Protein backbone atom coordinates (compact mmCIF):
# COMPACT_ATOMS: atom_id res chain seq x y z
CA MET A 1 -7.96 315.02 41.94
CA GLU A 2 -6.61 318.54 42.62
CA ALA A 3 -7.97 318.56 46.17
CA GLU A 4 -6.34 315.19 46.85
CA LEU A 5 -2.98 316.40 45.50
CA ILE A 6 -3.15 319.55 47.65
CA HIS A 7 -3.99 317.45 50.71
CA ARG A 8 -1.10 315.05 50.06
CA SER A 9 1.32 317.91 49.44
CA GLU A 10 0.35 319.46 52.80
CA GLU A 11 0.95 316.13 54.52
CA ILE A 12 4.38 315.97 52.90
CA ARG A 13 5.22 319.44 54.23
CA GLN A 14 4.15 318.52 57.76
CA ARG A 15 6.10 315.26 57.71
CA LEU A 16 9.13 317.04 56.28
CA LYS A 17 9.10 319.65 59.05
CA GLN A 18 8.80 316.97 61.75
CA LEU A 19 11.58 314.98 60.11
CA GLY A 20 13.86 318.01 59.87
CA ASP A 21 13.40 318.66 63.58
CA SER A 22 13.99 315.04 64.59
CA LEU A 23 17.11 314.77 62.41
CA ASP A 24 18.47 318.18 63.47
CA TYR A 25 18.77 319.02 59.78
CA ALA A 26 20.04 322.56 60.43
CA GLY A 27 22.65 321.30 62.88
CA LYS A 28 23.87 318.64 60.45
CA ARG A 29 24.20 321.21 57.63
CA GLU A 30 26.28 323.42 59.92
CA ALA A 31 28.44 320.42 60.92
CA ILE A 32 29.10 319.63 57.23
CA LYS A 33 30.14 323.23 56.61
CA ASN A 34 32.56 323.13 59.55
CA ILE A 35 34.08 319.81 58.49
CA GLU A 36 34.59 321.00 54.92
CA LEU A 37 36.36 324.11 56.25
CA GLN A 38 38.50 321.88 58.45
CA MET A 39 39.42 319.66 55.49
CA GLY A 40 40.59 322.72 53.57
CA GLU A 41 43.11 323.69 56.23
CA PRO A 42 46.85 323.02 55.65
CA GLY A 43 48.07 319.89 57.39
CA PHE A 44 44.65 318.23 57.55
CA TRP A 45 46.05 315.02 56.07
CA ASP A 46 49.19 314.98 58.23
CA ASP A 47 47.42 312.65 60.66
CA ASN A 48 45.88 310.16 58.24
CA ASP A 49 43.92 308.17 60.85
CA SER A 50 42.29 311.31 62.25
CA ALA A 51 41.59 312.61 58.75
CA GLN A 52 39.91 309.35 57.72
CA LYS A 53 37.63 309.47 60.79
CA THR A 54 36.65 313.04 59.89
CA VAL A 55 35.91 312.02 56.29
CA GLY A 56 33.82 309.11 57.60
CA ARG A 57 31.79 311.48 59.76
CA LEU A 58 31.26 313.76 56.75
CA LYS A 59 29.95 310.82 54.69
CA SER A 60 27.55 309.83 57.48
CA LEU A 61 26.17 313.36 57.66
CA LYS A 62 25.74 313.61 53.89
CA VAL A 63 23.77 310.34 53.80
CA VAL A 64 20.98 312.24 55.56
CA VAL A 65 21.59 315.86 54.52
CA GLY A 66 21.90 315.18 50.77
CA PRO A 67 18.46 313.54 50.31
CA MET A 68 16.92 315.99 52.81
CA LYS A 69 18.19 318.95 50.81
CA GLU A 70 16.88 317.48 47.56
CA LEU A 71 13.52 316.73 49.14
CA THR A 72 13.20 320.23 50.62
CA SER A 73 13.95 321.79 47.22
CA SER A 74 11.44 319.53 45.45
CA VAL A 75 8.72 320.30 47.97
CA GLU A 76 9.30 324.03 47.43
CA ASP A 77 8.68 323.49 43.70
CA LEU A 78 5.49 321.51 44.33
CA ASP A 79 3.22 324.58 44.66
CA ALA A 80 4.15 325.74 41.18
CA LEU A 81 3.41 322.27 39.77
CA ILE A 82 -0.01 322.18 41.45
CA GLU A 83 -0.83 325.63 40.03
CA MET A 84 0.11 324.35 36.57
CA ALA A 85 -2.20 321.37 37.08
CA GLU A 86 -5.08 323.71 37.94
CA GLU A 87 -4.61 325.51 34.62
CA ASP A 88 -3.76 322.45 32.53
CA LYS A 89 -5.51 319.21 33.52
CA SER A 90 -3.06 317.15 31.45
CA VAL A 91 -0.29 318.04 33.94
CA ALA A 92 -2.16 316.43 36.87
CA ALA A 93 -0.74 312.97 36.15
CA ASP A 94 2.82 314.35 36.25
CA VAL A 95 2.10 316.11 39.54
CA ALA A 96 0.67 312.91 41.02
CA ALA A 97 3.83 311.04 39.98
CA GLU A 98 5.98 313.71 41.64
CA VAL A 99 3.95 313.50 44.85
CA ASP A 100 4.43 309.71 44.83
CA ARG A 101 8.18 310.19 44.41
CA LEU A 102 8.39 312.67 47.28
CA GLU A 103 6.37 310.39 49.56
CA ASN A 104 8.77 307.51 48.81
CA MET A 105 11.75 309.75 49.55
CA LEU A 106 10.14 310.73 52.85
CA ASP A 107 9.59 307.08 53.74
CA ASP A 108 13.29 306.36 53.16
CA LEU A 109 14.42 309.34 55.21
CA GLU A 110 12.04 308.54 58.06
CA LEU A 111 13.59 305.07 58.12
CA LYS A 112 17.08 306.60 58.39
CA ALA A 113 15.81 308.71 61.27
CA LEU A 114 15.35 305.47 63.22
CA LEU A 115 19.13 305.00 63.13
CA ASP A 116 19.55 307.20 66.17
CA GLY A 117 21.40 304.88 68.56
CA PRO A 118 24.68 306.05 70.12
CA ASN A 119 26.74 303.78 67.84
CA ASP A 120 24.44 303.50 64.80
CA SER A 121 26.69 305.65 62.59
CA ALA A 122 29.70 303.40 63.26
CA GLY A 123 31.08 300.56 61.20
CA ALA A 124 30.09 297.02 62.17
CA ILE A 125 32.06 293.94 63.16
CA ILE A 126 30.18 290.79 62.17
CA THR A 127 31.21 287.43 63.63
CA ILE A 128 29.65 284.23 62.28
CA ASN A 129 29.95 280.88 64.07
CA ALA A 130 28.78 277.49 62.79
CA ARG A 131 26.43 275.84 65.29
CA ASP A 132 24.30 272.65 65.20
CA GLY A 133 24.15 270.74 61.94
CA GLY A 134 27.61 269.29 61.35
CA THR A 135 29.26 270.05 58.02
CA ASP A 136 26.04 271.64 56.76
CA ALA A 137 26.33 274.23 59.53
CA ASN A 138 29.92 275.01 58.52
CA ASP A 139 28.80 275.48 54.92
CA TRP A 140 25.84 277.58 56.08
CA ALA A 141 28.12 279.88 58.09
CA ASP A 142 30.22 280.42 54.95
CA ILE A 143 27.08 281.21 52.91
CA LEU A 144 26.04 283.85 55.46
CA LEU A 145 29.52 285.38 55.33
CA ARG A 146 29.17 285.74 51.55
CA MET A 147 25.66 287.19 51.97
CA TYR A 148 26.79 290.02 54.24
CA SER A 149 29.83 290.67 52.06
CA ALA A 150 27.64 290.92 48.94
CA TRP A 151 25.24 293.30 50.69
CA ALA A 152 28.17 295.47 51.81
CA VAL A 153 29.53 295.64 48.26
CA ASP A 154 26.08 296.69 46.98
CA GLN A 155 26.05 299.48 49.58
CA GLU A 156 29.56 300.55 48.48
CA TYR A 157 30.87 299.80 51.96
CA LYS A 158 34.42 298.64 52.65
CA ILE A 159 35.03 295.12 53.99
CA GLU A 160 38.02 293.83 55.91
CA LEU A 161 38.50 290.16 56.88
CA LEU A 162 39.60 290.07 60.52
CA ASP A 163 39.53 286.36 61.24
CA ARG A 164 38.58 283.17 59.42
CA GLN A 165 38.93 279.54 60.48
CA GLU A 166 38.27 277.01 57.74
CA ASN A 167 36.52 273.73 58.41
CA GLU A 168 38.46 270.71 57.19
CA GLU A 169 35.57 269.29 55.16
CA ALA A 170 33.68 272.39 53.94
CA GLY A 171 32.81 275.93 54.92
CA ILE A 172 34.08 277.67 58.04
CA ASN A 173 34.05 277.16 61.79
CA HIS A 174 33.89 280.91 62.33
CA ALA A 175 34.84 284.23 60.70
CA SER A 176 34.82 287.93 61.52
CA ILE A 177 34.65 290.86 59.11
CA ALA A 178 34.56 294.63 59.55
CA VAL A 179 31.97 296.45 57.42
CA ARG A 180 32.73 300.16 57.16
CA GLY A 181 30.38 302.78 55.79
CA PRO A 182 27.68 305.26 56.86
CA MET A 183 25.23 303.67 59.32
CA ALA A 184 26.66 300.16 58.79
CA TYR A 185 26.16 299.15 62.41
CA GLY A 186 22.74 300.79 62.62
CA TYR A 187 21.51 298.65 59.75
CA LEU A 188 23.27 295.41 60.68
CA LYS A 189 22.80 295.21 64.45
CA GLY A 190 19.39 293.58 64.02
CA GLU A 191 21.10 290.61 62.34
CA GLU A 192 22.41 289.38 65.69
CA GLY A 193 20.99 285.99 66.60
CA MET A 194 20.57 282.47 65.26
CA HIS A 195 19.96 281.90 61.54
CA ARG A 196 18.33 278.58 60.59
CA LEU A 197 18.64 276.82 57.22
CA VAL A 198 16.46 273.93 56.02
CA ARG A 199 17.55 272.12 52.85
CA ILE A 200 18.41 268.78 51.28
CA SER A 201 21.97 268.27 52.45
CA PRO A 202 24.64 268.30 49.72
CA PHE A 203 26.86 266.44 52.20
CA ASN A 204 24.46 263.53 52.75
CA SER A 205 24.47 260.78 50.14
CA GLU A 206 20.96 259.72 51.20
CA GLY A 207 19.57 263.13 50.20
CA LYS A 208 17.88 263.75 53.53
CA ARG A 209 16.46 267.06 54.69
CA GLN A 210 18.90 268.78 57.04
CA THR A 211 18.40 271.65 59.49
CA SER A 212 21.50 273.63 60.38
CA PHE A 213 22.24 276.73 62.42
CA ALA A 214 24.75 279.57 62.38
CA ALA A 215 25.05 282.28 65.04
CA VAL A 216 25.67 285.88 64.00
CA SER A 217 27.08 288.45 66.41
CA VAL A 218 27.23 292.17 65.48
CA SER A 219 29.05 294.88 67.40
CA PRO A 220 29.92 298.52 66.60
CA GLU A 221 33.45 299.28 65.44
CA ILE A 222 34.51 301.73 68.13
CA ASP A 223 37.28 304.23 67.44
CA ASP A 224 39.82 305.34 70.04
CA SER A 225 37.95 308.58 70.78
CA ILE A 226 35.21 306.62 72.59
CA GLU A 227 36.01 305.54 76.14
CA ILE A 228 35.44 301.83 76.81
CA GLU A 229 36.73 300.77 80.21
CA ILE A 230 38.40 297.34 80.19
CA ASP A 231 40.70 296.32 83.03
CA GLU A 232 43.63 294.45 81.46
CA LYS A 233 43.87 292.11 84.45
CA ASP A 234 40.37 290.86 83.52
CA VAL A 235 41.57 289.80 80.05
CA ARG A 236 43.36 286.54 79.32
CA GLU A 237 45.53 286.44 76.20
CA ASP A 238 46.20 283.16 74.39
CA ARG A 239 48.59 282.82 71.48
CA TYR A 240 48.20 280.04 68.99
CA ARG A 241 49.32 279.01 65.55
CA ALA A 242 47.18 280.48 62.80
CA GLY A 243 45.69 278.15 60.25
CA GLY A 244 44.96 278.46 56.56
CA ALA A 245 46.55 280.51 53.83
CA GLY A 246 48.56 283.60 54.58
CA GLY A 247 52.25 282.95 54.07
CA GLN A 248 54.85 280.75 55.72
CA HIS A 249 55.05 282.82 58.91
CA VAL A 250 51.34 282.21 59.54
CA ASN A 251 51.82 278.47 59.92
CA LYS A 252 55.20 278.44 61.69
CA THR A 253 54.73 281.01 64.47
CA ASP A 254 52.15 281.53 67.20
CA SER A 255 50.98 284.76 65.60
CA ALA A 256 47.22 284.41 66.21
CA ILE A 257 45.74 286.07 69.29
CA ARG A 258 42.69 285.12 71.33
CA LEU A 259 41.43 287.48 74.06
CA THR A 260 38.95 286.40 76.73
CA HIS A 261 37.26 288.97 78.95
CA ILE A 262 36.77 286.77 81.99
CA PRO A 263 33.96 288.62 83.85
CA SER A 264 31.66 288.61 80.79
CA ASN A 265 33.11 285.46 79.12
CA THR A 266 33.50 287.49 75.93
CA VAL A 267 35.95 285.94 73.45
CA VAL A 268 37.51 287.49 70.34
CA GLN A 269 40.34 286.31 68.15
CA CYS A 270 42.37 287.47 65.17
CA GLN A 271 44.80 285.66 62.91
CA ASN A 272 44.60 287.49 59.59
CA GLU A 273 47.10 290.28 60.20
CA ARG A 274 50.73 289.96 59.17
CA SER A 275 52.23 289.88 62.67
CA GLN A 276 51.38 288.97 66.23
CA HIS A 277 51.55 292.65 67.18
CA GLN A 278 48.96 293.56 64.51
CA ASN A 279 46.74 290.61 65.47
CA ARG A 280 46.85 291.73 69.10
CA ALA A 281 45.92 295.33 68.19
CA THR A 282 43.01 294.16 66.05
CA ALA A 283 41.82 291.71 68.72
CA TRP A 284 41.76 294.48 71.32
CA LYS A 285 39.77 296.64 68.93
CA MET A 286 37.29 293.77 68.47
CA LEU A 287 37.05 293.31 72.25
CA ARG A 288 36.31 297.00 72.79
CA SER A 289 33.56 296.72 70.17
CA LYS A 290 32.07 293.66 71.90
CA MET A 291 32.09 295.43 75.27
CA ALA A 292 30.38 298.47 73.71
CA ARG A 293 27.70 296.13 72.38
CA LEU A 294 27.20 294.63 75.85
CA GLU A 295 26.66 298.11 77.28
CA GLU A 296 24.16 298.83 74.51
CA GLU A 297 22.29 295.59 75.30
CA LYS A 298 21.97 296.69 78.93
CA ARG A 299 20.42 299.98 77.84
CA GLU A 300 18.06 298.16 75.45
CA ALA A 301 16.99 295.79 78.24
CA GLU A 302 16.24 298.75 80.51
CA ASP A 303 14.21 300.44 77.76
CA ALA A 304 12.31 297.21 77.05
CA LYS A 305 11.48 296.87 80.75
CA ARG A 306 10.43 300.52 81.00
CA TYR A 307 8.12 300.37 77.98
CA LYS A 308 7.06 296.74 78.57
CA THR A 309 8.20 295.66 75.10
CA GLN A 310 9.82 292.39 74.17
CA ALA A 311 11.74 293.25 71.01
CA LYS A 312 14.35 290.66 71.99
CA THR A 313 17.17 289.75 69.70
CA GLY A 314 20.48 288.41 70.90
CA PHE A 315 23.17 285.94 70.10
CA GLY A 316 21.17 282.88 71.16
CA SER A 317 17.72 283.70 69.82
CA GLN A 318 16.50 282.38 66.47
CA ILE A 319 15.70 285.36 64.28
CA ARG A 320 15.28 284.08 60.72
CA ASN A 321 14.43 280.94 58.80
CA TYR A 322 15.83 280.16 55.36
CA PHE A 323 14.26 277.37 53.33
CA LEU A 324 15.50 275.52 50.24
CA HIS A 325 13.16 272.56 50.85
CA PRO A 326 10.31 271.87 50.33
CA ASP A 327 10.13 275.33 48.75
CA GLN A 328 12.40 278.39 48.53
CA ARG A 329 11.63 281.21 50.95
CA VAL A 330 13.09 283.32 53.72
CA LYS A 331 11.03 284.61 56.65
CA ASP A 332 12.03 286.70 59.64
CA ALA A 333 10.77 285.22 62.89
CA ARG A 334 10.41 288.66 64.54
CA THR A 335 8.96 290.95 61.90
CA GLY A 336 7.24 288.47 59.61
CA HIS A 337 9.04 289.99 56.61
CA TYR A 338 9.01 287.40 53.82
CA VAL A 339 10.84 286.89 50.53
CA GLY A 340 9.92 284.02 48.22
CA SER A 341 13.41 283.66 46.76
CA PHE A 342 16.25 282.17 48.78
CA ASN A 343 18.95 283.18 46.29
CA SER A 344 17.90 286.83 46.07
CA VAL A 345 18.44 287.15 49.82
CA ILE A 346 21.70 285.18 49.90
CA ASN A 347 23.21 287.22 47.05
CA GLY A 348 22.52 290.35 49.12
CA SER A 349 20.06 291.99 46.74
CA GLU A 350 16.96 291.57 48.96
CA LEU A 351 18.61 291.56 52.38
CA GLN A 352 17.91 295.29 52.82
CA GLY A 353 14.19 294.61 53.13
CA PHE A 354 14.84 292.53 56.26
CA LEU A 355 17.05 295.25 57.72
CA ASP A 356 14.43 297.94 57.09
CA ALA A 357 11.62 295.78 58.48
CA PHE A 358 13.56 295.24 61.70
CA LEU A 359 14.16 298.98 62.12
CA ARG A 360 10.41 299.60 61.91
CA PHE A 361 9.74 296.66 64.23
CA ARG A 362 12.10 298.01 66.87
CA ALA A 363 10.59 301.50 66.59
CA SER A 364 7.06 300.12 67.07
CA GLY A 365 8.05 297.91 70.02
CA SER A 366 5.77 295.21 68.58
CA MET A 367 5.68 291.65 69.76
CA ALA A 368 7.23 289.20 67.34
CA PRO A 369 4.84 287.09 65.24
CA PRO A 370 5.10 283.30 65.43
CA SER A 371 8.10 281.90 63.58
CA ASP A 372 8.03 279.16 60.95
CA ASP A 373 8.63 275.58 62.05
């Protein structure tokens, strides 16, 4: 028992050192110190937008540095615990429990280390569009919107509704939300693709089984400090009358904005701000995010070609199956990750498992397993 504990503790130390190097733990600690000094200077909050970005960067750094610091301290105390176990055999069980805890912490931190993409620390813009399946697809798109919102709340992230178009009968035609918090985009980018629902339709009086689809698009929320080249002459702007709730001006003026980047056929739209000017500013921000995502996809395609992997996601590919009939289950078509409870995924509580599984899948470059029919 003692020999096993010593061996496991040595493995923890080796993994911790490798992790510290890969995460640039020392550099991140120094960056936190510099930011905290900056925040203490007079006039820091004079430019609120700049200050908020700095605070956001501090939070992203602390997501990694905080647990790493705790883990490093606990590992330093492990030798003393093992010595106590050698003298008092009754302590061995407590030491084993502590080793288990440290190994679990390491697993979590090693997962965070996979969030190393150029935009992974950014917020995420999620756009959901109803696809095939009629009214069921509109309802399904609305369910997915609630799922991502519930997950974001559980993560203590901030959510902002950017655009929402109701369907006349039920659900939504499409919607866009911004999810803001440490590593939001890094976690959510694997959600891009087609989500398939199989259930007995609540909109069919004959009670037939219905298959419906909703497409999810995820892009990083890019701030103004990052250069994204978009030639304005390549962008067509359309103004239209916003629909749904939002005050009298929403329904009586052409305040909604739709932008189309013609070379890439990328379309974004916004109608939830209070004025046309604000809708235009938000739409341009969404377009810059979409273009950043396109650039990222090009890099991913080059990497996939170089390493001969096929970890393909994308707006048109089916990534996950959700079943309410004949039984309740959710299975990812790429990773094989499986949850036997539809509601626990839809309420956001077990969505994280799918996000983590995809991070590991991407890191391994594995081929996707066969999907469910």
